[in-house]
Amino acid sequence: MENKINVTEFILHGLTQDKTVAKLCFSLFLIFYATIILGNLLIITTIKTSEQLNSPMYFFLSYLSFVDISYSTVTAPKLISDLLVEKKTISFVGCIAQLFAVHFFGCTEIFLLTVMAYDRCIAICKPLHYTNIVNKHVCGWLVAASWVGGFIHSVVQTLLAIWLPFCGPSEIDHYFCDVHPLLKLACTDVYIIGVIVAVNSGGISLTCFVVLVVSYAVILVSLRTRSSKVCLKALYTCSSHITVVVLFFGPCIFIYTRPSTTFSADKMVSVFYTIITPMLNPLIYTLRNEEVKNAMKKLWIRKVKRSHTQN
C-alpha cells in the first residue's frame, strides 16, 4: 500500500518516439478529432431538429454519436498534445480517471450497438408489432441500461487497478491509461486480476458480439420468405450497423479477451476503437442513409434561409 501511494505520476510512451512521425501524427490526429466532434455533432443536431428522424433507430444513433464524442475526448486531446512534448506524463489520479472514462464510454458504446441490433431485429422480423415493442418508454430504459452497464463495468475495472502496488518504473507503454499496461507495472502477481479483467472486458465484448451475430442470423432467416426488394432494403439498412460493429468489436475483442498480456500492436489496434471508429460512424451512417442525408439538406436550407432573413 505504501509503494502504491508513492507513485504520483506515470510516464506515457505515447504513440511514437520518432519526432518526425510525431509531427505528422499530430496534424493527422488533430484532423481526425475535429472530424469526430463536427461529424457527430452534426448527426445529433440533425436528429434532434428533424421531424422525420423520430424512429427508435435514430434515437439510439443520437446517443451513439454523443458517446463517440465523449469516448474520443477521453484519449484524443491527450494523445495529440503528447505528440509535441518529449516527456509525456499523467498524474496517478488522472490516469485512474482516464481508465474509468475509457471503460465507461467504451462499454456503453458496446451495449448501445447491441441495443441497435435488437432494434433492427424487431423492426425487420416483427414489423407489425414494432411500434408496440420498441416504444419510447422501452427506448429510454434500453439507453439507461446501457449507461448503467457501462458504469458498473468501469467501476470494476477501476477498482482492480486502483489497489495495485506500483514499485517502479512508472512508464506505461501506451498513449493512454488502460488496465493491461498498468498490470504490467504492478509489483505483485496479477494473474488472477488479469483473468478477472479478461472475463469482465473480454466477456462483455465477446458476449455482445455473439448476441449481435445471432440477431443478424435471425434477420437473415426472417428475410428468406420476403421479396428480393424487401431483402435488399433491409440488408442495406443493416449494413451500416454491421460495418460499425466489425470496426469496433474486432479491436476490442483482440485487446481484452486475453489476461494481463500486452503486444506491441496494441497501441495501433487501440487507435481503431478510440479514434477511427468514432470518426467513421457519422460518415457510415450518413453516406448510406438517404433519410439522414435529406434531413441534413433540409437543416442546411433552413439555416441559409434564416441567415438571409436576418441580413
C-alpha atoms as a PDB file:
ATOM      1  CA  MET A   1       0.000   0.000   0.000  1.00  0.00           C
ATOM      2  CA  GLU A   2       2.903   2.347   0.845  1.00  0.00           C
ATOM      3  CA  ASN A   3       4.574   1.704  -2.504  1.00  0.00           C
ATOM      4  CA  LYS A   4       1.373   2.467  -4.350  1.00  0.00           C
ATOM      5  CA  ILE A   5       0.890   5.813  -2.615  1.00  0.00           C
ATOM      6  CA  ASN A   6       4.432   6.891  -3.541  1.00  0.00           C
ATOM      7  CA  VAL A   7       3.583   6.710  -7.248  1.00  0.00           C
ATOM      8  CA  THR A   8       2.237  10.183  -8.018  1.00  0.00           C
ATOM      9  CA  GLU A   9       2.551  10.125 -11.802  1.00  0.00           C
ATOM     10  CA  PHE A  10       3.168   7.866 -14.784  1.00  0.00           C
ATOM     11  CA  ILE A  11       5.214   8.441 -17.926  1.00  0.00           C
ATOM     12  CA  LEU A  12       3.427   7.529 -21.153  1.00  0.00           C
ATOM     13  CA  HIS A  13       5.493   6.247 -24.065  1.00  0.00           C
ATOM     14  CA  GLY A  14       2.873   7.659 -26.429  1.00  0.00           C
ATOM     15  CA  LEU A  15       2.119   6.512 -29.936  1.00  0.00           C
ATOM     16  CA  THR A  16       5.633   7.005 -31.327  1.00  0.00           C
ATOM     17  CA  GLN A  17       9.100   8.127 -30.217  1.00  0.00           C
ATOM     18  CA  ASP A  18      10.098   9.358 -33.685  1.00  0.00           C
ATOM     19  CA  LYS A  19       9.849  13.195 -33.746  1.00  0.00           C
ATOM     20  CA  THR A  20       9.206  13.405 -37.495  1.00  0.00           C
ATOM     21  CA  VAL A  21       6.455  10.783 -37.328  1.00  0.00           C
ATOM     22  CA  ALA A  22       5.071  12.508 -34.217  1.00  0.00           C
ATOM     23  CA  LYS A  23       4.663  15.821 -36.074  1.00  0.00           C
ATOM     24  CA  LEU A  24       2.896  14.060 -38.920  1.00  0.00           C
ATOM     25  CA  CYS A  25       0.644  12.217 -36.471  1.00  0.00           C
ATOM     26  CA  PHE A  26      -0.133  15.492 -34.674  1.00  0.00           C
ATOM     27  CA  SER A  27      -1.630  17.027 -37.830  1.00  0.00           C
ATOM     28  CA  LEU A  28      -3.383  13.801 -38.762  1.00  0.00           C
ATOM     29  CA  PHE A  29      -4.996  13.144 -35.376  1.00  0.00           C
ATOM     30  CA  LEU A  30      -5.950  16.803 -34.960  1.00  0.00           C
ATOM     31  CA  ILE A  31      -7.939  16.495 -38.208  1.00  0.00           C
ATOM     32  CA  PHE A  32      -9.382  13.171 -37.025  1.00  0.00           C
ATOM     33  CA  TYR A  33     -10.522  14.643 -33.706  1.00  0.00           C
ATOM     34  CA  ALA A  34     -12.059  17.720 -35.356  1.00  0.00           C
ATOM     35  CA  THR A  35     -13.918  15.366 -37.733  1.00  0.00           C
ATOM     36  CA  ILE A  36     -15.192  13.312 -34.778  1.00  0.00           C
ATOM     37  CA  ILE A  37     -16.572  16.380 -32.989  1.00  0.00           C
ATOM     38  CA  LEU A  38     -18.099  18.083 -36.042  1.00  0.00           C
ATOM     39  CA  GLY A  39     -19.435  14.894 -37.646  1.00  0.00           C
ATOM     40  CA  ASN A  40     -21.112  13.535 -34.532  1.00  0.00           C
ATOM     41  CA  LEU A  41     -22.476  16.956 -33.513  1.00  0.00           C
ATOM     42  CA  LEU A  42     -23.998  17.225 -36.980  1.00  0.00           C
ATOM     43  CA  ILE A  43     -25.659  13.821 -36.538  1.00  0.00           C
ATOM     44  CA  ILE A  44     -27.065  14.811 -33.111  1.00  0.00           C
ATOM     45  CA  THR A  45     -28.299  18.222 -34.328  1.00  0.00           C
ATOM     46  CA  THR A  46     -29.900  16.725 -37.437  1.00  0.00           C
ATOM     47  CA  ILE A  47     -31.759  14.044 -35.478  1.00  0.00           C
ATOM     48  CA  LYS A  48     -32.910  16.426 -32.742  1.00  0.00           C
ATOM     49  CA  THR A  49     -34.218  19.056 -35.193  1.00  0.00           C
ATOM     50  CA  SER A  50     -35.747  16.762 -37.819  1.00  0.00           C
ATOM     51  CA  GLU A  51     -39.357  15.613 -37.533  1.00  0.00           C
ATOM     52  CA  GLN A  52     -38.715  12.771 -39.977  1.00  0.00           C
ATOM     53  CA  LEU A  53     -35.947  11.168 -37.911  1.00  0.00           C
ATOM     54  CA  ASN A  54     -38.116  10.247 -34.922  1.00  0.00           C
ATOM     55  CA  SER A  55     -37.838   6.446 -35.034  1.00  0.00           C
ATOM     56  CA  PRO A  56     -36.029   4.458 -32.297  1.00  0.00           C
ATOM     57  CA  MET A  57     -33.121   3.776 -34.679  1.00  0.00           C
ATOM     58  CA  TYR A  58     -32.272   7.484 -34.843  1.00  0.00           C
ATOM     59  CA  PHE A  59     -32.919   7.920 -31.123  1.00  0.00           C
ATOM     60  CA  PHE A  60     -30.212   5.319 -30.451  1.00  0.00           C
ATOM     61  CA  LEU A  61     -27.958   6.794 -33.140  1.00  0.00           C
ATOM     62  CA  SER A  62     -28.012  10.222 -31.476  1.00  0.00           C
ATOM     63  CA  TYR A  63     -26.841   8.674 -28.198  1.00  0.00           C
ATOM     64  CA  LEU A  64     -24.188   6.668 -30.054  1.00  0.00           C
ATOM     65  CA  SER A  65     -22.853   9.918 -31.531  1.00  0.00           C
ATOM     66  CA  PHE A  66     -22.777  11.524 -28.067  1.00  0.00           C
ATOM     67  CA  VAL A  67     -20.866   8.534 -26.665  1.00  0.00           C
ATOM     68  CA  ASP A  68     -18.428   8.686 -29.606  1.00  0.00           C
ATOM     69  CA  ILE A  69     -17.660  12.346 -28.850  1.00  0.00           C
ATOM     70  CA  SER A  70     -17.147  11.597 -25.152  1.00  0.00           C
ATOM     71  CA  TYR A  71     -15.136   8.437 -25.780  1.00  0.00           C
ATOM     72  CA  SER A  72     -12.663  10.049 -28.172  1.00  0.00           C
ATOM     73  CA  THR A  73     -12.353  13.157 -25.973  1.00  0.00           C
ATOM     74  CA  VAL A  74     -11.041  10.985 -23.134  1.00  0.00           C
ATOM     75  CA  THR A  75      -7.972   9.938 -25.163  1.00  0.00           C
ATOM     76  CA  ALA A  76      -7.534  12.088 -28.301  1.00  0.00           C
ATOM     77  CA  PRO A  77      -6.651  15.523 -26.773  1.00  0.00           C
ATOM     78  CA  LYS A  78      -4.015  13.943 -24.505  1.00  0.00           C
ATOM     79  CA  LEU A  79      -2.615  11.908 -27.411  1.00  0.00           C
ATOM     80  CA  ILE A  80      -2.451  14.982 -29.667  1.00  0.00           C
ATOM     81  CA  SER A  81      -0.752  17.218 -27.078  1.00  0.00           C
ATOM     82  CA  ASP A  82       1.736  14.487 -26.110  1.00  0.00           C
ATOM     83  CA  LEU A  83       2.899  14.207 -29.716  1.00  0.00           C
ATOM     84  CA  LEU A  84       4.554  17.627 -29.346  1.00  0.00           C
ATOM     85  CA  VAL A  85       6.294  17.068 -25.996  1.00  0.00           C
ATOM     86  CA  GLU A  86       9.271  14.890 -25.148  1.00  0.00           C
ATOM     87  CA  LYS A  87       8.198  13.839 -21.654  1.00  0.00           C
ATOM     88  CA  LYS A  88       4.608  12.611 -21.587  1.00  0.00           C
ATOM     89  CA  THR A  89       3.346  12.465 -18.021  1.00  0.00           C
ATOM     90  CA  ILE A  90      -0.014  11.855 -16.390  1.00  0.00           C
ATOM     91  CA  SER A  91      -0.803  12.009 -12.694  1.00  0.00           C
ATOM     92  CA  PHE A  92      -1.869   8.902 -10.803  1.00  0.00           C
ATOM     93  CA  VAL A  93      -5.343  10.388 -10.248  1.00  0.00           C
ATOM     94  CA  GLY A  94      -5.549  11.489 -13.884  1.00  0.00           C
ATOM     95  CA  CYS A  95      -4.526   8.021 -15.031  1.00  0.00           C
ATOM     96  CA  ILE A  96      -7.203   6.305 -12.945  1.00  0.00           C
ATOM     97  CA  ALA A  97      -9.801   8.859 -14.093  1.00  0.00           C
ATOM     98  CA  GLN A  98      -8.864   8.244 -17.728  1.00  0.00           C
ATOM     99  CA  LEU A  99      -9.060   4.479 -17.235  1.00  0.00           C
ATOM    100  CA  PHE A 100     -12.520   4.851 -15.702  1.00  0.00           C
ATOM    101  CA  ALA A 101     -13.789   7.098 -18.507  1.00  0.00           C
ATOM    102  CA  VAL A 102     -12.356   4.933 -21.303  1.00  0.00           C
ATOM    103  CA  HIS A 103     -14.106   1.825 -19.997  1.00  0.00           C
ATOM    104  CA  PHE A 104     -17.292   3.698 -19.079  1.00  0.00           C
ATOM    105  CA  PHE A 105     -17.875   5.171 -22.541  1.00  0.00           C
ATOM    106  CA  GLY A 106     -16.395   2.165 -24.350  1.00  0.00           C
ATOM    107  CA  CYS A 107     -18.663  -0.339 -22.616  1.00  0.00           C
ATOM    108  CA  THR A 108     -21.675   1.953 -23.012  1.00  0.00           C
ATOM    109  CA  GLU A 109     -20.997   2.033 -26.759  1.00  0.00           C
ATOM    110  CA  ILE A 110     -20.837  -1.774 -26.841  1.00  0.00           C
ATOM    111  CA  PHE A 111     -24.238  -2.005 -25.151  1.00  0.00           C
ATOM    112  CA  LEU A 112     -25.727   0.688 -27.420  1.00  0.00           C
ATOM    113  CA  LEU A 113     -24.565  -1.135 -30.546  1.00  0.00           C
ATOM    114  CA  THR A 114     -26.150  -4.318 -29.175  1.00  0.00           C
ATOM    115  CA  VAL A 115     -29.399  -2.454 -28.451  1.00  0.00           C
ATOM    116  CA  MET A 116     -29.378  -1.066 -32.002  1.00  0.00           C
ATOM    117  CA  ALA A 117     -29.064  -4.613 -33.379  1.00  0.00           C
ATOM    118  CA  TYR A 118     -32.050  -5.654 -31.236  1.00  0.00           C
ATOM    119  CA  ASP A 119     -33.983  -2.688 -32.620  1.00  0.00           C
ATOM    120  CA  ARG A 120     -33.227  -3.691 -36.232  1.00  0.00           C
ATOM    121  CA  CYS A 121     -34.106  -7.315 -35.473  1.00  0.00           C
ATOM    122  CA  ILE A 122     -37.566  -6.400 -34.143  1.00  0.00           C
ATOM    123  CA  ALA A 123     -38.162  -3.865 -36.943  1.00  0.00           C
ATOM    124  CA  ILE A 124     -37.454  -6.425 -39.679  1.00  0.00           C
ATOM    125  CA  CYS A 125     -38.765  -9.631 -38.087  1.00  0.00           C
ATOM    126  CA  LYS A 126     -41.903  -8.174 -36.442  1.00  0.00           C
ATOM    127  CA  PRO A 127     -42.755  -5.002 -38.388  1.00  0.00           C
ATOM    128  CA  LEU A 128     -46.460  -5.014 -37.394  1.00  0.00           C
ATOM    129  CA  HIS A 129     -45.643  -5.112 -33.667  1.00  0.00           C
ATOM    130  CA  TYR A 130     -42.514  -2.938 -33.837  1.00  0.00           C
ATOM    131  CA  THR A 131     -44.019   0.304 -32.516  1.00  0.00           C
ATOM    132  CA  ASN A 132     -45.598  -1.518 -29.567  1.00  0.00           C
ATOM    133  CA  ILE A 133     -42.462  -3.492 -28.630  1.00  0.00           C
ATOM    134  CA  VAL A 134     -39.876  -0.727 -29.136  1.00  0.00           C
ATOM    135  CA  ASN A 135     -41.816   2.305 -27.881  1.00  0.00           C
ATOM    136  CA  LYS A 136     -40.386   5.497 -26.360  1.00  0.00           C
ATOM    137  CA  HIS A 137     -40.562   4.080 -22.846  1.00  0.00           C
ATOM    138  CA  VAL A 138     -38.625   0.959 -23.835  1.00  0.00           C
ATOM    139  CA  CYS A 139     -36.057   3.040 -25.760  1.00  0.00           C
ATOM    140  CA  GLY A 140     -35.418   5.180 -22.692  1.00  0.00           C
ATOM    141  CA  TRP A 141     -34.928   2.122 -20.488  1.00  0.00           C
ATOM    142  CA  LEU A 142     -32.575   0.482 -23.006  1.00  0.00           C
ATOM    143  CA  VAL A 143     -30.387   3.585 -23.206  1.00  0.00           C
ATOM    144  CA  ALA A 144     -30.416   3.949 -19.396  1.00  0.00           C
ATOM    145  CA  ALA A 145     -29.461   0.266 -19.029  1.00  0.00           C
ATOM    146  CA  SER A 146     -26.537   0.824 -21.434  1.00  0.00           C
ATOM    147  CA  TRP A 147     -25.230   3.708 -19.310  1.00  0.00           C
ATOM    148  CA  VAL A 148     -25.673   1.761 -16.058  1.00  0.00           C
ATOM    149  CA  GLY A 149     -23.991  -1.309 -17.544  1.00  0.00           C
ATOM    150  CA  GLY A 150     -21.050   0.798 -18.709  1.00  0.00           C
ATOM    151  CA  PHE A 151     -20.764   2.395 -15.265  1.00  0.00           C
ATOM    152  CA  ILE A 152     -20.762  -0.928 -13.398  1.00  0.00           C
ATOM    153  CA  HIS A 153     -18.173  -2.391 -15.763  1.00  0.00           C
ATOM    154  CA  SER A 154     -15.951   0.674 -15.410  1.00  0.00           C
ATOM    155  CA  VAL A 155     -16.158   0.651 -11.607  1.00  0.00           C
ATOM    156  CA  VAL A 156     -14.985  -2.980 -11.540  1.00  0.00           C
ATOM    157  CA  GLN A 157     -12.055  -2.234 -13.868  1.00  0.00           C
ATOM    158  CA  THR A 158     -11.055   0.841 -11.886  1.00  0.00           C
ATOM    159  CA  LEU A 159     -11.195  -0.909  -8.513  1.00  0.00           C
ATOM    160  CA  LEU A 160      -8.982  -3.695  -9.871  1.00  0.00           C
ATOM    161  CA  ALA A 161      -6.362  -1.134 -10.961  1.00  0.00           C
ATOM    162  CA  ILE A 162      -6.524   1.366  -8.118  1.00  0.00           C
ATOM    163  CA  TRP A 163      -5.334  -1.065  -5.431  1.00  0.00           C
ATOM    164  CA  LEU A 164      -2.395  -2.419  -7.403  1.00  0.00           C
ATOM    165  CA  PRO A 165       1.020  -1.853  -5.739  1.00  0.00           C
ATOM    166  CA  PHE A 166       3.346   0.053  -8.092  1.00  0.00           C
ATOM    167  CA  CYS A 167       7.013  -0.048  -7.141  1.00  0.00           C
ATOM    168  CA  GLY A 168       8.545   1.428 -10.283  1.00  0.00           C
ATOM    169  CA  PRO A 169       9.435   2.037 -13.014  1.00  0.00           C
ATOM    170  CA  SER A 170       6.276   4.012 -13.724  1.00  0.00           C
ATOM    171  CA  GLU A 171       6.451   4.031 -17.540  1.00  0.00           C
ATOM    172  CA  ILE A 172       3.315   2.991 -19.413  1.00  0.00           C
ATOM    173  CA  ASP A 173       3.925   1.637 -22.899  1.00  0.00           C
ATOM    174  CA  HIS A 174       0.742   3.163 -24.298  1.00  0.00           C
ATOM    175  CA  TYR A 175      -0.781   6.529 -25.236  1.00  0.00           C
ATOM    176  CA  PHE A 176      -3.488   6.323 -22.543  1.00  0.00           C
ATOM    177  CA  CYS A 177      -4.023   4.559 -19.224  1.00  0.00           C
ATOM    178  CA  ASP A 178      -5.563   1.123 -19.588  1.00  0.00           C
ATOM    179  CA  VAL A 179      -5.774  -1.948 -17.382  1.00  0.00           C
ATOM    180  CA  HIS A 180      -3.303  -4.236 -19.155  1.00  0.00           C
ATOM    181  CA  PRO A 181      -0.405  -1.703 -19.297  1.00  0.00           C
ATOM    182  CA  LEU A 182      -0.990  -0.943 -15.589  1.00  0.00           C
ATOM    183  CA  LEU A 183      -1.000  -4.643 -14.696  1.00  0.00           C
ATOM    184  CA  LYS A 184       2.386  -4.883 -16.404  1.00  0.00           C
ATOM    185  CA  LEU A 185       3.797  -2.296 -13.937  1.00  0.00           C
ATOM    186  CA  ALA A 186       2.405  -3.887 -10.762  1.00  0.00           C
ATOM    187  CA  CYS A 187       4.949  -5.459  -8.424  1.00  0.00           C
ATOM    188  CA  THR A 188       2.733  -8.396  -7.473  1.00  0.00           C
ATOM    189  CA  ASP A 189       1.261 -11.484  -9.075  1.00  0.00           C
ATOM    190  CA  VAL A 190      -1.524 -10.193 -11.326  1.00  0.00           C
ATOM    191  CA  TYR A 191      -2.619 -13.446 -12.981  1.00  0.00           C
ATOM    192  CA  ILE A 192      -5.944 -13.651 -11.092  1.00  0.00           C
ATOM    193  CA  ILE A 193      -6.633  -9.956 -11.685  1.00  0.00           C
ATOM    194  CA  GLY A 194      -5.790 -10.433 -15.367  1.00  0.00           C
ATOM    195  CA  VAL A 195      -8.301 -13.268 -15.605  1.00  0.00           C
ATOM    196  CA  ILE A 196     -10.966 -11.093 -13.949  1.00  0.00           C
ATOM    197  CA  VAL A 197     -10.203  -8.275 -16.405  1.00  0.00           C
ATOM    198  CA  ALA A 198     -10.449 -10.698 -19.342  1.00  0.00           C
ATOM    199  CA  VAL A 199     -13.750 -12.091 -18.062  1.00  0.00           C
ATOM    200  CA  ASN A 200     -15.120  -8.605 -17.403  1.00  0.00           C
ATOM    201  CA  SER A 201     -13.969  -6.696 -20.512  1.00  0.00           C
ATOM    202  CA  GLY A 202     -13.429  -9.559 -22.923  1.00  0.00           C
ATOM    203  CA  GLY A 203     -16.513 -11.402 -21.724  1.00  0.00           C
ATOM    204  CA  ILE A 204     -18.750  -8.377 -22.322  1.00  0.00           C
ATOM    205  CA  SER A 205     -17.249  -7.718 -25.770  1.00  0.00           C
ATOM    206  CA  LEU A 206     -17.482 -11.356 -26.848  1.00  0.00           C
ATOM    207  CA  THR A 207     -20.986 -11.913 -25.405  1.00  0.00           C
ATOM    208  CA  CYS A 208     -22.406  -8.790 -27.034  1.00  0.00           C
ATOM    209  CA  PHE A 209     -20.726  -9.725 -30.317  1.00  0.00           C
ATOM    210  CA  VAL A 210     -22.353 -13.173 -30.193  1.00  0.00           C
ATOM    211  CA  VAL A 211     -25.729 -11.523 -29.476  1.00  0.00           C
ATOM    212  CA  LEU A 212     -25.171  -9.269 -32.489  1.00  0.00           C
ATOM    213  CA  VAL A 213     -24.298 -12.222 -34.733  1.00  0.00           C
ATOM    214  CA  VAL A 214     -27.387 -14.126 -33.545  1.00  0.00           C
ATOM    215  CA  SER A 215     -29.561 -11.035 -34.157  1.00  0.00           C
ATOM    216  CA  TYR A 216     -28.394 -10.749 -37.741  1.00  0.00           C
ATOM    217  CA  ALA A 217     -28.717 -14.508 -38.242  1.00  0.00           C
ATOM    218  CA  VAL A 218     -32.369 -14.212 -37.154  1.00  0.00           C
ATOM    219  CA  ILE A 219     -32.806 -11.293 -39.572  1.00  0.00           C
ATOM    220  CA  LEU A 220     -31.347 -13.312 -42.461  1.00  0.00           C
ATOM    221  CA  VAL A 221     -33.606 -16.289 -41.692  1.00  0.00           C
ATOM    222  CA  SER A 222     -36.611 -13.959 -41.498  1.00  0.00           C
ATOM    223  CA  LEU A 223     -35.775 -12.406 -44.874  1.00  0.00           C
ATOM    224  CA  ARG A 224     -35.863 -15.752 -46.704  1.00  0.00           C
ATOM    225  CA  THR A 225     -39.636 -15.520 -47.094  1.00  0.00           C
ATOM    226  CA  ARG A 226     -39.649 -11.860 -48.184  1.00  0.00           C
ATOM    227  CA  SER A 227     -39.382 -10.399 -51.658  1.00  0.00           C
ATOM    228  CA  SER A 228     -35.956  -9.540 -53.065  1.00  0.00           C
ATOM    229  CA  LYS A 229     -36.789  -5.813 -52.892  1.00  0.00           C
ATOM    230  CA  VAL A 230     -37.610  -6.014 -49.176  1.00  0.00           C
ATOM    231  CA  CYS A 231     -34.470  -8.101 -48.558  1.00  0.00           C
ATOM    232  CA  LEU A 232     -32.196  -5.597 -50.278  1.00  0.00           C
ATOM    233  CA  LYS A 233     -33.740  -2.672 -48.406  1.00  0.00           C
ATOM    234  CA  ALA A 234     -33.362  -4.441 -45.037  1.00  0.00           C
ATOM    235  CA  LEU A 235     -29.790  -5.507 -45.733  1.00  0.00           C
ATOM    236  CA  TYR A 236     -28.913  -2.003 -46.920  1.00  0.00           C
ATOM    237  CA  THR A 237     -30.302  -0.559 -43.677  1.00  0.00           C
ATOM    238  CA  CYS A 238     -28.367  -3.055 -41.533  1.00  0.00           C
ATOM    239  CA  SER A 239     -25.094  -2.824 -43.476  1.00  0.00           C
ATOM    240  CA  SER A 240     -24.101   0.471 -41.805  1.00  0.00           C
ATOM    241  CA  HIS A 241     -24.540  -1.020 -38.362  1.00  0.00           C
ATOM    242  CA  ILE A 242     -22.661  -4.200 -39.299  1.00  0.00           C
ATOM    243  CA  THR A 243     -19.717  -2.113 -40.568  1.00  0.00           C
ATOM    244  CA  VAL A 244     -19.518  -0.175 -37.294  1.00  0.00           C
ATOM    245  CA  VAL A 245     -19.792  -3.388 -35.253  1.00  0.00           C
ATOM    246  CA  VAL A 246     -16.874  -5.009 -37.109  1.00  0.00           C
ATOM    247  CA  LEU A 247     -14.685  -1.889 -36.773  1.00  0.00           C
ATOM    248  CA  PHE A 248     -15.396  -1.513 -33.054  1.00  0.00           C
ATOM    249  CA  PHE A 249     -15.752  -5.055 -31.741  1.00  0.00           C
ATOM    250  CA  GLY A 250     -12.827  -6.563 -33.663  1.00  0.00           C
ATOM    251  CA  PRO A 251     -10.119  -4.472 -31.919  1.00  0.00           C
ATOM    252  CA  CYS A 252     -11.904  -4.674 -28.531  1.00  0.00           C
ATOM    253  CA  ILE A 253     -12.032  -8.481 -28.641  1.00  0.00           C
ATOM    254  CA  PHE A 254      -8.377  -8.598 -29.722  1.00  0.00           C
ATOM    255  CA  ILE A 255      -7.274  -6.398 -26.793  1.00  0.00           C
ATOM    256  CA  TYR A 256      -9.461  -7.537 -23.909  1.00  0.00           C
ATOM    257  CA  THR A 257     -10.054 -11.268 -24.299  1.00  0.00           C
ATOM    258  CA  ARG A 258      -6.562 -12.151 -23.032  1.00  0.00           C
ATOM    259  CA  PRO A 259      -5.391 -11.902 -19.402  1.00  0.00           C
ATOM    260  CA  SER A 260      -2.577  -9.423 -18.476  1.00  0.00           C
ATOM    261  CA  THR A 261      -0.710  -9.786 -21.775  1.00  0.00           C
ATOM    262  CA  THR A 262       0.364  -6.878 -23.955  1.00  0.00           C
ATOM    263  CA  PHE A 263       1.546  -6.889 -27.561  1.00  0.00           C
ATOM    264  CA  SER A 264       3.469  -4.249 -29.475  1.00  0.00           C
ATOM    265  CA  ALA A 265       0.499  -3.894 -31.849  1.00  0.00           C
ATOM    266  CA  ASP A 266      -1.906  -2.983 -29.008  1.00  0.00           C
ATOM    267  CA  LYS A 267      -1.391   0.760 -29.393  1.00  0.00           C
ATOM    268  CA  MET A 268      -2.196   0.780 -33.094  1.00  0.00           C
ATOM    269  CA  VAL A 269      -5.177  -1.532 -32.583  1.00  0.00           C
ATOM    270  CA  SER A 270      -6.470   0.770 -29.809  1.00  0.00           C
ATOM    271  CA  VAL A 271      -6.440   3.705 -32.240  1.00  0.00           C
ATOM    272  CA  PHE A 272      -9.220   1.965 -34.175  1.00  0.00           C
ATOM    273  CA  TYR A 273     -11.787   1.862 -31.365  1.00  0.00           C
ATOM    274  CA  THR A 274     -10.811   5.130 -29.638  1.00  0.00           C
ATOM    275  CA  ILE A 275     -10.439   7.382 -32.707  1.00  0.00           C
ATOM    276  CA  ILE A 276     -11.005   5.750 -36.121  1.00  0.00           C
ATOM    277  CA  THR A 277     -14.444   4.212 -35.393  1.00  0.00           C
ATOM    278  CA  PRO A 278     -15.883   7.375 -33.720  1.00  0.00           C
ATOM    279  CA  MET A 279     -14.652   9.331 -36.754  1.00  0.00           C
ATOM    280  CA  LEU A 280     -16.128   6.921 -39.324  1.00  0.00           C
ATOM    281  CA  ASN A 281     -19.506   6.434 -37.613  1.00  0.00           C
ATOM    282  CA  PRO A 282     -21.058   9.709 -38.887  1.00  0.00           C
ATOM    283  CA  LEU A 283     -19.756   9.022 -42.417  1.00  0.00           C
ATOM    284  CA  ILE A 284     -21.017   5.424 -42.411  1.00  0.00           C
ATOM    285  CA  TYR A 285     -24.483   6.345 -41.137  1.00  0.00           C
ATOM    286  CA  THR A 286     -24.885   9.384 -43.409  1.00  0.00           C
ATOM    287  CA  LEU A 287     -23.419   8.222 -46.695  1.00  0.00           C
ATOM    288  CA  ARG A 288     -25.536   5.049 -46.621  1.00  0.00           C
ATOM    289  CA  ASN A 289     -28.751   6.599 -45.301  1.00  0.00           C
ATOM    290  CA  GLU A 290     -30.965   8.703 -47.562  1.00  0.00           C
ATOM    291  CA  GLU A 291     -33.230   9.825 -44.683  1.00  0.00           C
ATOM    292  CA  VAL A 292     -30.298  11.322 -42.764  1.00  0.00           C
ATOM    293  CA  LYS A 293     -28.873  12.973 -45.892  1.00  0.00           C
ATOM    294  CA  ASN A 294     -32.259  14.522 -46.756  1.00  0.00           C
ATOM    295  CA  ALA A 295     -32.691  15.746 -43.170  1.00  0.00           C
ATOM    296  CA  MET A 296     -29.236  17.347 -43.297  1.00  0.00           C
ATOM    297  CA  LYS A 297     -30.101  19.085 -46.585  1.00  0.00           C
ATOM    298  CA  LYS A 298     -33.314  20.476 -45.048  1.00  0.00           C
ATOM    299  CA  LEU A 299     -31.374  21.620 -41.972  1.00  0.00           C
ATOM    300  CA  TRP A 300     -28.857  23.409 -44.204  1.00  0.00           C
ATOM    301  CA  ILE A 301     -31.612  25.046 -46.283  1.00  0.00           C
ATOM    302  CA  ARG A 302     -33.349  26.284 -43.108  1.00  0.00           C
ATOM    303  CA  LYS A 303     -30.104  27.809 -41.831  1.00  0.00           C
ATOM    304  CA  VAL A 304     -29.419  29.505 -45.174  1.00  0.00           C
ATOM    305  CA  LYS A 305     -32.944  30.955 -45.296  1.00  0.00           C
ATOM    306  CA  ARG A 306     -32.658  32.124 -41.691  1.00  0.00           C
ATOM    307  CA  SER A 307     -29.345  33.870 -42.363  1.00  0.00           C
ATOM    308  CA  HIS A 308     -30.809  35.616 -45.457  1.00  0.00           C
ATOM    309  CA  THR A 309     -33.840  36.738 -43.437  1.00  0.00           C
ATOM    310  CA  GLN A 310     -31.630  38.180 -40.684  1.00  0.00           C
ATOM    311  CA  ASN A 311     -29.492  40.017 -43.233  1.00  0.00           C
END
